[in-house]
């Protein structure tokens, strides 16, 4: 078992804790640069909103690329996983709430 496989072996409700935490940390570290980039096109996005948008953007990108991870499959499943859907939609609402046009 490699180090990466070991780190990904810990799960929270069936999702790898390592992947989730790395996604949130990565977006948090990139949020300043992303906010500055969007300011150039007159859209103001607070840094915290990027963190909220991590999972919704991740699901969208995975669907567009065609990589169906367990979370994407669970989110697209129409007959179950309602708590996940509520969390993702809640994050989407929180992420969109602070976006303003300058």
Protein backbone atom coordinates (compact mmCIF):
# COMPACT_ATOMS: atom_id res chain seq x y z
CA UNK A 1 0.00 0.00 0.00
CA UNK A 2 1.46 3.31 -1.04
CA UNK A 3 1.30 6.44 1.09
CA UNK A 4 -1.45 7.94 -1.08
CA UNK A 5 -3.55 4.78 -0.86
CA UNK A 6 -3.08 4.79 2.92
CA UNK A 7 -4.16 8.45 3.21
CA UNK A 8 -7.21 7.82 1.03
CA UNK A 9 -8.25 4.78 3.06
CA UNK A 10 -9.88 6.91 5.79
CA UNK A 11 -13.49 7.69 4.96
CA UNK A 12 -16.30 9.87 6.28
CA UNK A 13 -19.73 8.70 5.08
CA UNK A 14 -18.03 6.87 2.22
CA UNK A 15 -15.94 9.82 1.00
CA UNK A 16 -12.17 10.01 1.39
CA UNK A 17 -11.28 12.54 4.09
CA UNK A 18 -7.92 13.19 2.43
CA UNK A 19 -9.54 14.15 -0.90
CA UNK A 20 -12.11 16.43 0.73
CA UNK A 21 -9.62 18.20 2.98
CA UNK A 22 -7.09 18.60 0.17
CA UNK A 23 -9.78 20.14 -2.05
CA UNK A 24 -10.84 22.67 0.58
CA UNK A 25 -7.24 23.56 1.51
CA UNK A 26 -6.25 23.91 -2.15
CA UNK A 27 -9.16 26.21 -2.97
CA UNK A 28 -8.51 28.24 0.18
CA UNK A 29 -4.89 28.75 -0.89
CA UNK A 30 -5.94 29.69 -4.43
CA UNK A 31 -8.85 31.90 -3.37
CA UNK A 32 -6.81 35.12 -3.25
CA UNK A 33 -5.53 34.62 -6.78
CA UNK A 34 -8.94 33.59 -8.07
CA UNK A 35 -10.59 36.64 -6.50
CA UNK A 36 -7.98 38.95 -8.08
CA UNK A 37 -8.48 37.26 -11.45
CA UNK A 38 -12.23 37.80 -11.32
CA UNK A 39 -11.76 41.43 -10.21
CA UNK A 40 -10.14 42.05 -13.61
CA UNK A 41 -13.48 41.25 -15.23
CA UNK A 42 -15.35 43.36 -12.64
CA UNK A 43 -16.73 40.49 -10.57
CA UNK A 44 -16.04 40.62 -6.84
CA UNK A 45 -15.94 37.20 -5.19
CA UNK A 46 -14.92 37.09 -1.51
CA UNK A 47 -12.27 34.54 -0.61
CA UNK A 48 -14.59 32.54 1.66
CA UNK A 49 -17.07 32.09 -1.17
CA UNK A 50 -14.49 30.08 -3.09
CA UNK A 51 -14.32 27.64 -0.18
CA UNK A 52 -18.11 27.29 -0.19
CA UNK A 53 -18.06 26.69 -3.95
CA UNK A 54 -15.44 23.92 -3.73
CA UNK A 55 -17.83 20.97 -3.79
CA UNK A 56 -20.35 22.39 -6.31
CA UNK A 57 -17.54 23.33 -8.71
CA UNK A 58 -15.89 19.96 -8.15
CA UNK A 59 -19.08 18.08 -8.99
CA UNK A 60 -19.65 20.22 -12.10
CA UNK A 61 -16.09 19.67 -13.33
CA UNK A 62 -16.26 15.92 -12.72
CA UNK A 63 -19.52 15.68 -14.67
CA UNK A 64 -18.12 17.75 -17.57
CA UNK A 65 -14.97 15.61 -17.71
CA UNK A 66 -16.96 12.38 -17.35
CA UNK A 67 -15.28 11.17 -14.17
CA UNK A 68 -18.01 9.85 -11.91
CA UNK A 69 -16.61 9.74 -8.39
CA UNK A 70 -18.70 8.30 -5.53
CA UNK A 71 -19.85 11.79 -4.52
CA UNK A 72 -20.87 12.68 -8.07
CA UNK A 73 -22.77 9.39 -8.42
CA UNK A 74 -24.50 9.98 -5.09
CA UNK A 75 -25.38 13.57 -6.00
CA UNK A 76 -26.83 12.55 -9.37
CA UNK A 77 -28.80 9.63 -7.88
CA UNK A 78 -32.41 10.85 -7.86
CA UNK A 79 -33.71 8.36 -5.31
CA UNK A 80 -31.40 8.82 -2.32
CA UNK A 81 -28.58 10.81 -0.68
CA UNK A 82 -30.82 13.78 0.06
CA UNK A 83 -28.58 15.07 2.84
CA UNK A 84 -25.66 15.29 0.38
CA UNK A 85 -27.86 17.15 -2.09
CA UNK A 86 -28.96 19.60 0.61
CA UNK A 87 -25.33 20.20 1.65
CA UNK A 88 -24.15 20.77 -1.94
CA UNK A 89 -27.05 23.11 -2.73
CA UNK A 90 -26.48 24.92 0.59
CA UNK A 91 -22.81 25.41 -0.28
CA UNK A 92 -23.84 26.68 -3.72
CA UNK A 93 -26.22 29.22 -2.18
CA UNK A 94 -23.60 30.36 0.35
CA UNK A 95 -21.02 30.64 -2.42
CA UNK A 96 -23.19 32.67 -4.73
CA UNK A 97 -24.55 34.96 -1.99
CA UNK A 98 -21.55 37.26 -1.71
CA UNK A 99 -20.72 37.62 -5.41
CA UNK A 100 -21.12 41.19 -6.66
CA UNK A 101 -20.60 42.99 -9.92
CA UNK A 102 -18.34 46.04 -9.59
